[in-house]
C-alpha cells in the first residue's frame, strides 16, 4: 500500500457527530430519541435571510467573488463586531470564511511553527487540540475549577504551563461545553499573561451573542494591547440558526489577516457569493432575529434546569450564555454502580432514549481527573421532548 501522511495519526475529530450517528441508529430500530447531544439548532433560519438569499441567487451572484469576501459584508461585519466590543475595525480587518472552523486552522497555520506550544481550554472544543497536533504544534491544555456559579479558568495552572516555546492562547469565552463565562477580572489577568509572554490570541466568539444576561458581554479585546494580537473567530451559525449554511469570518489585525487570506485562495477560493450579499443586507438592517432565538432558548434552559436540579445529587448553576449544561454526575454514577462514563452514557441512551455527550468528547482528559461530567445541549430539542426525555432520565436515575 502507498504510504500516507504520518500527521494523519494526529488528526482528531468532533466526536459529538459519532454520538449523533449512534442516536440515529438507535432511533432507526424503533426507539424514541431525545437529542441533547449535538449543538445544532432546530429553529428555521429567519425568513428574511432565506428570502434575501434567493433574491441574490436569482440576481446571478453565483460566480467567484473576492477570496477575502465581498466588501459589503466585510464592512458590515467590521461595524457590527466593532460596535458590540467597543473597538474600531475596518474592512481590512475582516475576511469571510466558510464557517467558524476554518479560522482555527488558518490562524494556527499563520502564527504557529513546528514545536510551538499552544494553550487551549480543556474541556473544550475538540478541534483546537486536533489542529494543534496535526499542524505540528504542542497542545498545552489549561483547566477550569468548578465554583458555585459555574466554572473559572485555573489561572495559576495556566500561568505555570507557559514556557519560552509558548506562542498562542486560545480563549473561548462563553464556552462550549461548560457555558463558562469569564469575568472582567479573569480576562484582565489573562491579558497580562499574554503581554508578559508575547502571545498571539485566538478569541473563539461563536457564542458571544448567545447570552441571556442584560449585562454587556466581556471581551479580552477590551484590555490594552489585545487588539493588535487577537483574532476573533466569528460565525453566523448560532446567532441566526445557520449551522448548515457554513459562513463566518476571521477578524483581527491587518498584518495577520492578510496572511490568513492567502489560505482562502489556496483552499476554498471564496465563500458562497449570494449568501454573503444576503447577510450584508441583513446586518445593515435593524432586526431582532437573534433576540427571538434567545427568548426560545431561555425557556428551554429554564425547563432543563428545573428538571435536572430536582435530582438530589445534582446542582447546576444557571448559565448566562451558550445552550449547554454541564452537570457533575459523579455521585449519580456511584449510586448506580458505574465507574465508566461511556457505559453510563450508552446505558442512558438505551434505557431512556436520552442522548448526550460526555466530558470525554471535549478534549483528552487530564490524568488526575476524578469528577465525571456530561453535557446537555438544549438547542435542538423541543420543550415537549425536553420534559418527556428528562422525566425518563430522572426515573432511570432514581
Protein backbone atom coordinates (compact mmCIF):
# COMPACT_ATOMS: atom_id res chain seq x y z
CA UNK A 1 0.00 0.00 0.00
CA UNK A 2 1.25 3.51 -0.84
CA UNK A 3 2.21 5.35 2.35
CA UNK A 4 0.04 8.17 3.68
CA UNK A 5 0.95 11.31 5.61
CA UNK A 6 2.11 10.39 9.12
CA UNK A 7 0.42 13.51 10.51
CA UNK A 8 -2.98 11.94 9.84
CA UNK A 9 -2.46 9.92 13.02
CA UNK A 10 -2.57 13.21 14.95
CA UNK A 11 -5.75 14.50 13.33
CA UNK A 12 -8.67 14.28 15.72
CA UNK A 13 -12.38 14.68 15.13
CA UNK A 14 -15.54 16.14 16.60
CA UNK A 15 -16.88 13.06 18.36
CA UNK A 16 -20.28 14.63 19.05
CA UNK A 17 -21.11 13.59 15.49
CA UNK A 18 -20.42 9.94 16.34
CA UNK A 19 -22.83 10.24 19.29
CA UNK A 20 -25.37 11.68 16.85
CA UNK A 21 -24.89 8.73 14.49
CA UNK A 22 -25.31 6.31 17.38
CA UNK A 23 -28.54 8.00 18.43
CA UNK A 24 -29.87 7.82 14.87
CA UNK A 25 -29.05 4.13 14.68
CA UNK A 26 -30.98 3.54 17.93
CA UNK A 27 -33.90 5.57 16.57
CA UNK A 28 -33.88 3.56 13.33
CA UNK A 29 -34.50 0.45 15.44
CA UNK A 30 -37.82 1.96 16.54
CA UNK A 31 -36.85 3.73 19.77
CA UNK A 32 -37.74 7.29 20.78
CA UNK A 33 -34.73 9.58 20.95
CA UNK A 34 -34.36 12.79 22.96
CA UNK A 35 -31.46 14.61 21.24
CA UNK A 36 -29.40 16.54 23.79
CA UNK A 37 -26.13 15.54 22.10
CA UNK A 38 -25.41 17.99 19.27
CA UNK A 39 -25.08 21.76 19.49
CA UNK A 40 -27.30 22.29 16.47
CA UNK A 41 -30.44 24.45 16.41
CA UNK A 42 -33.83 23.17 15.31
CA UNK A 43 -35.11 26.68 14.52
CA UNK A 44 -35.78 27.79 10.98
CA UNK A 45 -33.27 30.31 9.64
CA UNK A 46 -35.08 33.69 9.68
CA UNK A 47 -37.35 34.15 6.67
CA UNK A 48 -35.75 37.44 5.63
CA UNK A 49 -32.33 35.76 5.31
CA UNK A 50 -33.79 32.95 3.22
CA UNK A 51 -35.71 35.44 1.09
CA UNK A 52 -32.69 37.68 0.50
CA UNK A 53 -30.52 34.65 -0.29
CA UNK A 54 -32.95 33.56 -3.00
CA UNK A 55 -33.10 37.14 -4.31
CA UNK A 56 -29.33 37.43 -4.74
CA UNK A 57 -29.08 33.93 -6.16
CA UNK A 58 -31.58 34.96 -8.84
CA UNK A 59 -29.65 38.22 -9.34
CA UNK A 60 -26.81 35.99 -10.57
CA UNK A 61 -24.50 36.39 -7.57
CA UNK A 62 -23.39 32.84 -8.33
CA UNK A 63 -19.84 33.22 -9.60
CA UNK A 64 -16.48 33.69 -7.91
CA UNK A 65 -16.11 36.66 -5.61
CA UNK A 66 -13.06 38.08 -3.79
CA UNK A 67 -11.35 35.42 -1.69
CA UNK A 68 -11.39 37.82 1.29
CA UNK A 69 -15.16 38.17 0.94
CA UNK A 70 -17.32 40.82 -0.68
CA UNK A 71 -16.59 44.38 0.56
CA UNK A 72 -20.23 44.93 1.57
CA UNK A 73 -20.22 42.09 4.11
CA UNK A 74 -16.71 42.83 5.37
CA UNK A 75 -17.67 46.47 6.06
CA UNK A 76 -20.95 45.46 7.71
CA UNK A 77 -19.18 42.94 9.96
CA UNK A 78 -16.41 45.38 10.86
CA UNK A 79 -19.07 47.83 12.03
CA UNK A 80 -21.26 45.27 13.81
CA UNK A 81 -18.47 43.37 15.58
CA UNK A 82 -16.59 46.54 16.47
CA UNK A 83 -19.61 48.29 17.96
CA UNK A 84 -20.50 45.25 20.07
CA UNK A 85 -16.98 45.22 21.56
CA UNK A 86 -16.43 48.99 21.73
CA UNK A 87 -13.45 48.86 19.39
CA UNK A 88 -12.91 50.05 15.83
CA UNK A 89 -12.47 47.72 12.87
CA UNK A 90 -12.34 48.40 9.14
CA UNK A 91 -12.83 46.31 6.02
CA UNK A 92 -9.12 45.43 6.08
CA UNK A 93 -9.55 43.64 9.42
CA UNK A 94 -12.17 41.17 8.15
CA UNK A 95 -12.06 38.12 5.88
CA UNK A 96 -15.06 35.88 5.26
CA UNK A 97 -14.78 32.15 5.91
CA UNK A 98 -16.95 29.11 5.08
CA UNK A 99 -17.92 28.64 8.72
CA UNK A 100 -16.17 29.05 12.07
CA UNK A 101 -13.73 26.13 11.97
CA UNK A 102 -11.57 27.50 9.10
CA UNK A 103 -10.47 30.37 11.35
CA UNK A 104 -8.94 27.83 13.79
CA UNK A 105 -6.71 26.05 11.32
CA UNK A 106 -5.83 29.12 9.23
CA UNK A 107 -4.92 31.11 12.34
CA UNK A 108 -2.67 28.32 13.62
CA UNK A 109 -1.13 27.82 10.18
CA UNK A 110 -0.29 31.53 10.13
CA UNK A 111 1.22 32.01 13.62
CA UNK A 112 2.41 28.57 14.77
CA UNK A 113 5.67 26.88 13.81
CA UNK A 114 6.52 23.22 14.37
CA UNK A 115 7.19 22.65 18.06
CA UNK A 116 5.46 25.84 19.24
CA UNK A 117 3.22 25.41 22.27
CA UNK A 118 -0.43 26.43 22.18
CA UNK A 119 -2.60 26.90 25.27
CA UNK A 120 -6.16 25.68 24.76
CA UNK A 121 -9.20 25.11 27.02
CA UNK A 122 -9.83 21.57 28.24
CA UNK A 123 -12.64 20.54 28.41
CA UNK A 124 -13.19 22.49 25.22
CA UNK A 125 -13.98 22.33 21.53
CA UNK A 126 -12.04 19.26 20.31
CA UNK A 127 -10.93 20.83 17.03
CA UNK A 128 -8.43 23.05 18.89
CA UNK A 129 -6.42 20.06 20.08
CA UNK A 130 -6.83 18.28 16.74
CA UNK A 131 -5.45 21.15 14.67
CA UNK A 132 -2.59 21.96 17.04
CA UNK A 133 -1.39 18.37 16.91
CA UNK A 134 -1.95 17.91 13.19
CA UNK A 135 -0.04 21.05 12.27
CA UNK A 136 2.96 20.06 14.38
CA UNK A 137 2.40 22.18 17.45
CA UNK A 138 2.45 21.11 21.09
CA UNK A 139 -1.00 21.17 22.69
CA UNK A 140 -0.95 22.64 26.21
CA UNK A 141 -4.35 22.19 27.87
CA UNK A 142 -5.45 24.54 30.61
CA UNK A 143 -8.20 23.57 33.01
CA UNK A 144 -11.16 25.01 34.90
CA UNK A 145 -12.25 24.97 38.53
CA UNK A 146 -15.89 24.40 39.39
CA UNK A 147 -17.45 27.16 41.51
CA UNK A 148 -20.88 27.93 42.95
CA UNK A 149 -21.66 29.95 39.82
CA UNK A 150 -20.17 27.67 37.17
CA UNK A 151 -16.55 27.34 36.09
CA UNK A 152 -13.47 29.59 36.27
CA UNK A 153 -10.18 29.21 34.44
CA UNK A 154 -7.43 27.86 36.70
CA UNK A 155 -5.15 30.85 36.14
CA UNK A 156 -2.32 29.52 38.32
CA UNK A 157 -2.22 26.27 36.37
CA UNK A 158 -2.31 28.14 33.06
CA UNK A 159 0.49 30.51 34.09
CA UNK A 160 2.73 27.65 35.24
CA UNK A 161 2.23 25.90 31.87
CA UNK A 162 3.80 28.75 29.89
CA UNK A 163 7.37 28.34 28.67
CA UNK A 164 9.66 30.07 26.19
CA UNK A 165 8.11 27.87 23.48
CA UNK A 166 4.53 29.01 24.17
CA UNK A 167 3.25 31.18 21.33
CA UNK A 168 -0.56 31.14 21.39
CA UNK A 169 -3.52 31.32 23.76
CA UNK A 170 -6.87 30.01 22.54
CA UNK A 171 -9.73 31.51 24.54
CA UNK A 172 -13.38 30.51 24.25
CA UNK A 173 -15.29 32.90 26.48
CA UNK A 174 -18.95 31.85 26.67
CA UNK A 175 -17.62 28.38 26.41
CA UNK A 176 -18.54 25.04 24.89
CA UNK A 177 -19.15 22.61 26.64
CA UNK A 178 -19.27 24.22 30.11
CA UNK A 179 -21.00 27.55 29.42
CA UNK A 180 -18.14 29.16 31.37
CA UNK A 181 -18.17 32.97 31.29
CA UNK A 182 -15.01 34.92 32.07
CA UNK A 183 -15.32 37.90 34.39
CA UNK A 184 -13.54 41.15 33.60
CA UNK A 185 -11.02 40.28 36.32
CA UNK A 186 -10.28 36.92 34.72
CA UNK A 187 -9.85 38.46 31.27
CA UNK A 188 -7.62 41.19 32.69
CA UNK A 189 -5.37 38.55 34.29
CA UNK A 190 -5.22 36.64 31.00
CA UNK A 191 -4.35 39.80 29.07
CA UNK A 192 -1.45 40.47 31.42
CA UNK A 193 -0.11 36.95 30.87
CA UNK A 194 -0.49 37.38 27.12
CA UNK A 195 1.52 40.63 27.13
CA UNK A 196 4.13 39.28 29.55
CA UNK A 197 4.84 36.27 27.33
CA UNK A 198 4.18 37.95 23.97
CA UNK A 199 1.45 35.53 22.86
CA UNK A 200 -0.98 35.56 19.97
CA UNK A 201 -4.65 35.12 20.94
CA UNK A 202 -7.48 33.33 19.17
CA UNK A 203 -10.76 34.51 20.69
CA UNK A 204 -13.44 31.98 19.75
CA UNK A 205 -16.57 34.13 19.90
CA UNK A 206 -19.01 31.57 18.49
CA UNK A 207 -21.36 32.10 21.46
CA UNK A 208 -20.64 35.78 22.10
CA UNK A 209 -24.21 36.72 21.16
CA UNK A 210 -25.91 33.65 22.69
CA UNK A 211 -26.34 35.32 26.05
CA UNK A 212 -29.25 35.65 28.47
CA UNK A 213 -27.97 38.43 30.73
CA UNK A 214 -28.71 42.09 30.07
CA UNK A 215 -25.14 42.95 31.10
CA UNK A 216 -22.69 43.85 28.35
CA UNK A 217 -20.59 40.88 27.21
CA UNK A 218 -16.94 40.72 28.21
CA UNK A 219 -14.14 40.51 25.66
CA UNK A 220 -10.38 40.19 26.06
CA UNK A 221 -10.13 42.75 23.25
CA UNK A 222 -11.15 45.49 25.67
CA UNK A 223 -7.81 45.32 27.51
CA UNK A 224 -4.65 47.22 26.50
CA UNK A 225 -2.54 45.62 23.78
CA UNK A 226 -5.05 42.89 22.89
CA UNK A 227 -6.49 44.22 19.64
CA UNK A 228 -3.05 44.10 17.99
CA UNK A 229 -2.54 40.39 18.75
CA UNK A 230 -6.06 38.88 18.77
CA UNK A 231 -8.06 37.23 16.01
CA UNK A 232 -11.80 36.73 16.52
CA UNK A 233 -13.49 33.56 15.33
CA UNK A 234 -16.91 34.82 14.20
CA UNK A 235 -19.78 32.68 12.97
CA UNK A 236 -23.37 33.25 11.87
CA UNK A 237 -24.25 29.64 12.76
CA UNK A 238 -25.58 30.18 16.28
CA UNK A 239 -26.77 33.77 16.02
CA UNK A 240 -29.14 33.17 13.10
CA UNK A 241 -29.64 29.36 13.26
CA UNK A 242 -27.45 28.88 10.18
CA UNK A 243 -25.27 25.93 11.18
CA UNK A 244 -25.61 24.23 7.79
CA UNK A 245 -25.06 27.38 5.73
CA UNK A 246 -21.35 27.41 6.60
CA UNK A 247 -20.39 31.06 6.79
CA UNK A 248 -18.32 33.02 9.30
CA UNK A 249 -15.33 35.33 9.46
CA UNK A 250 -11.84 35.93 10.83
CA UNK A 251 -11.45 39.41 12.34
CA UNK A 252 -8.18 40.81 13.61
CA UNK A 253 -5.07 42.91 12.92
CA UNK A 254 -4.50 43.59 9.23
CA UNK A 255 -0.89 42.39 9.48
CA UNK A 256 -2.15 38.91 10.34
CA UNK A 257 -5.45 38.84 8.46
CA UNK A 258 -3.77 39.48 5.10
CA UNK A 259 -1.72 36.30 5.52
CA UNK A 260 -4.74 34.24 6.62
CA UNK A 261 -6.46 35.44 3.45
CA UNK A 262 -3.81 33.62 1.42
CA UNK A 263 -5.20 30.34 2.75
CA UNK A 264 -8.62 31.34 1.42
CA UNK A 265 -7.14 31.49 -2.06
CA UNK A 266 -5.33 28.17 -1.65
CA UNK A 267 -8.28 26.36 -0.10
CA UNK A 268 -11.86 27.30 -0.95
CA UNK A 269 -11.18 30.22 -3.39
CA UNK A 270 -14.13 32.08 -1.88
CA UNK A 271 -17.16 31.69 0.36
CA UNK A 272 -20.65 31.41 -1.13
CA UNK A 273 -21.31 34.59 -3.10
CA UNK A 274 -25.10 35.05 -2.82
CA UNK A 275 -25.22 34.21 0.90
CA UNK A 276 -22.65 36.95 1.55
CA UNK A 277 -24.83 39.53 -0.16
CA UNK A 278 -27.88 38.39 1.80
CA UNK A 279 -26.08 38.68 5.13
CA UNK A 280 -24.59 42.07 4.26
CA UNK A 281 -28.11 43.28 3.65
CA UNK A 282 -29.37 41.78 6.93
CA UNK A 283 -26.54 43.27 9.02
CA UNK A 284 -27.20 46.70 7.56
CA UNK A 285 -30.86 46.49 8.54
CA UNK A 286 -32.26 46.68 12.06
CA UNK A 287 -33.59 43.24 13.05
CA UNK A 288 -34.41 41.16 16.10
CA UNK A 289 -33.74 37.69 14.69
CA UNK A 290 -31.16 36.86 17.34
CA UNK A 291 -33.41 38.09 20.16
CA UNK A 292 -36.24 35.80 19.07
CA UNK A 293 -33.92 32.78 19.18
CA UNK A 294 -32.62 33.79 22.61
CA UNK A 295 -36.16 34.01 24.03
CA UNK A 296 -36.89 30.46 22.92
CA UNK A 297 -33.58 29.17 24.27
CA UNK A 298 -34.20 30.75 27.70
CA UNK A 299 -37.43 28.79 28.08
CA UNK A 300 -35.64 25.56 27.18
CA UNK A 301 -32.74 26.32 29.53
CA UNK A 302 -35.04 27.02 32.46
CA UNK A 303 -37.04 23.86 31.86
CA UNK A 304 -33.86 21.76 31.74
CA UNK A 305 -32.60 23.34 34.96
CA UNK A 306 -35.91 22.77 36.76
CA UNK A 307 -35.94 19.09 35.82
CA UNK A 308 -32.28 18.29 36.37
CA UNK A 309 -31.94 20.23 39.62
CA UNK A 310 -34.78 18.14 41.04
CA UNK A 311 -32.31 15.22 41.18
CA UNK A 312 -30.97 15.05 44.71
CA UNK A 313 -27.27 14.62 43.85
CA UNK A 314 -27.21 17.22 41.10
CA UNK A 315 -26.92 21.01 41.12
CA UNK A 316 -26.42 23.10 38.00
CA UNK A 317 -25.98 26.88 38.33
CA UNK A 318 -27.94 28.98 35.83
CA UNK A 319 -25.60 29.75 32.90
CA UNK A 320 -25.80 33.17 31.27
CA UNK A 321 -24.61 32.02 27.86
CA UNK A 322 -24.50 29.27 25.20
CA UNK A 323 -27.09 26.48 25.10
CA UNK A 324 -25.29 23.87 27.16
CA UNK A 325 -25.49 22.45 30.67
CA UNK A 326 -22.50 20.58 32.10
CA UNK A 327 -23.54 18.73 35.26
CA UNK A 328 -21.24 16.72 37.52
CA UNK A 329 -22.72 13.20 37.62
CA UNK A 330 -20.05 11.57 39.81
CA UNK A 331 -22.40 10.92 42.75
CA UNK A 332 -25.15 9.65 40.47
CA UNK A 333 -22.75 7.22 38.82
CA UNK A 334 -21.52 5.98 42.20
CA UNK A 335 -25.06 5.34 43.40
CA UNK A 336 -25.92 3.40 40.26
CA UNK A 337 -22.66 1.44 40.37
CA UNK A 338 -20.96 2.96 37.31
CA UNK A 339 -17.24 3.61 37.12
CA UNK A 340 -17.15 4.15 33.34
CA UNK A 341 -18.57 7.35 31.89
CA UNK A 342 -19.03 5.95 28.38
CA UNK A 343 -21.03 2.97 29.67
CA UNK A 344 -23.19 5.36 31.70
CA UNK A 345 -23.89 7.37 28.54
CA UNK A 346 -24.75 4.34 26.40
CA UNK A 347 -26.96 2.80 29.08
CA UNK A 348 -28.80 6.10 29.50
CA UNK A 349 -29.48 6.12 25.76
CA UNK A 350 -30.75 2.54 25.70
CA UNK A 351 -32.83 2.80 28.86
CA UNK A 352 -34.34 6.25 28.36
CA UNK A 353 -33.67 7.42 24.78
CA UNK A 354 -31.85 10.45 26.18
CA UNK A 355 -28.74 11.09 24.09
CA UNK A 356 -25.96 13.35 25.39
CA UNK A 357 -22.23 13.88 25.13
CA UNK A 358 -19.75 13.47 27.98
CA UNK A 359 -16.64 15.25 29.12
CA UNK A 360 -14.63 12.70 27.12
CA UNK A 361 -15.92 14.21 23.87
CA UNK A 362 -14.26 17.57 24.61
CA UNK A 363 -10.51 17.08 24.71
CA UNK A 364 -8.18 14.48 26.20
CA UNK A 365 -8.98 14.20 29.94
CA UNK A 366 -6.23 15.12 32.40
CA UNK A 367 -4.58 12.10 34.00
CA UNK A 368 -5.65 13.14 37.51
CA UNK A 369 -9.30 13.90 36.70
CA UNK A 370 -11.72 12.25 39.12
CA UNK A 371 -15.03 14.07 38.62
CA UNK A 372 -17.39 12.93 35.85
CA UNK A 373 -19.39 15.36 33.69
CA UNK A 374 -21.93 15.11 30.91
CA UNK A 375 -23.19 17.79 28.51
CA UNK A 376 -26.81 18.53 27.67
CA UNK A 377 -27.43 20.71 24.60
CA UNK A 378 -30.95 22.17 24.57
CA UNK A 379 -30.69 23.96 21.22
CA UNK A 380 -32.02 21.16 19.01
CA UNK A 381 -34.87 19.74 21.09
CA UNK A 382 -38.41 20.98 21.75
CA UNK A 383 -39.69 21.79 25.23
CA UNK A 384 -42.13 18.89 24.95
CA UNK A 385 -39.29 16.45 24.28
CA UNK A 386 -37.12 18.07 26.96
CA UNK A 387 -39.83 17.44 29.53
CA UNK A 388 -40.60 13.91 28.38
CA UNK A 389 -36.97 12.88 27.95
CA UNK A 390 -35.70 14.29 31.23
CA UNK A 391 -38.60 12.71 33.14
CA UNK A 392 -37.48 9.34 31.78
CA UNK A 393 -33.85 10.12 32.61
CA UNK A 394 -34.79 11.13 36.17
CA UNK A 395 -36.84 7.97 36.68
CA UNK A 396 -33.91 5.88 35.48
CA UNK A 397 -31.53 7.75 37.79
CA UNK A 398 -33.81 7.24 40.78
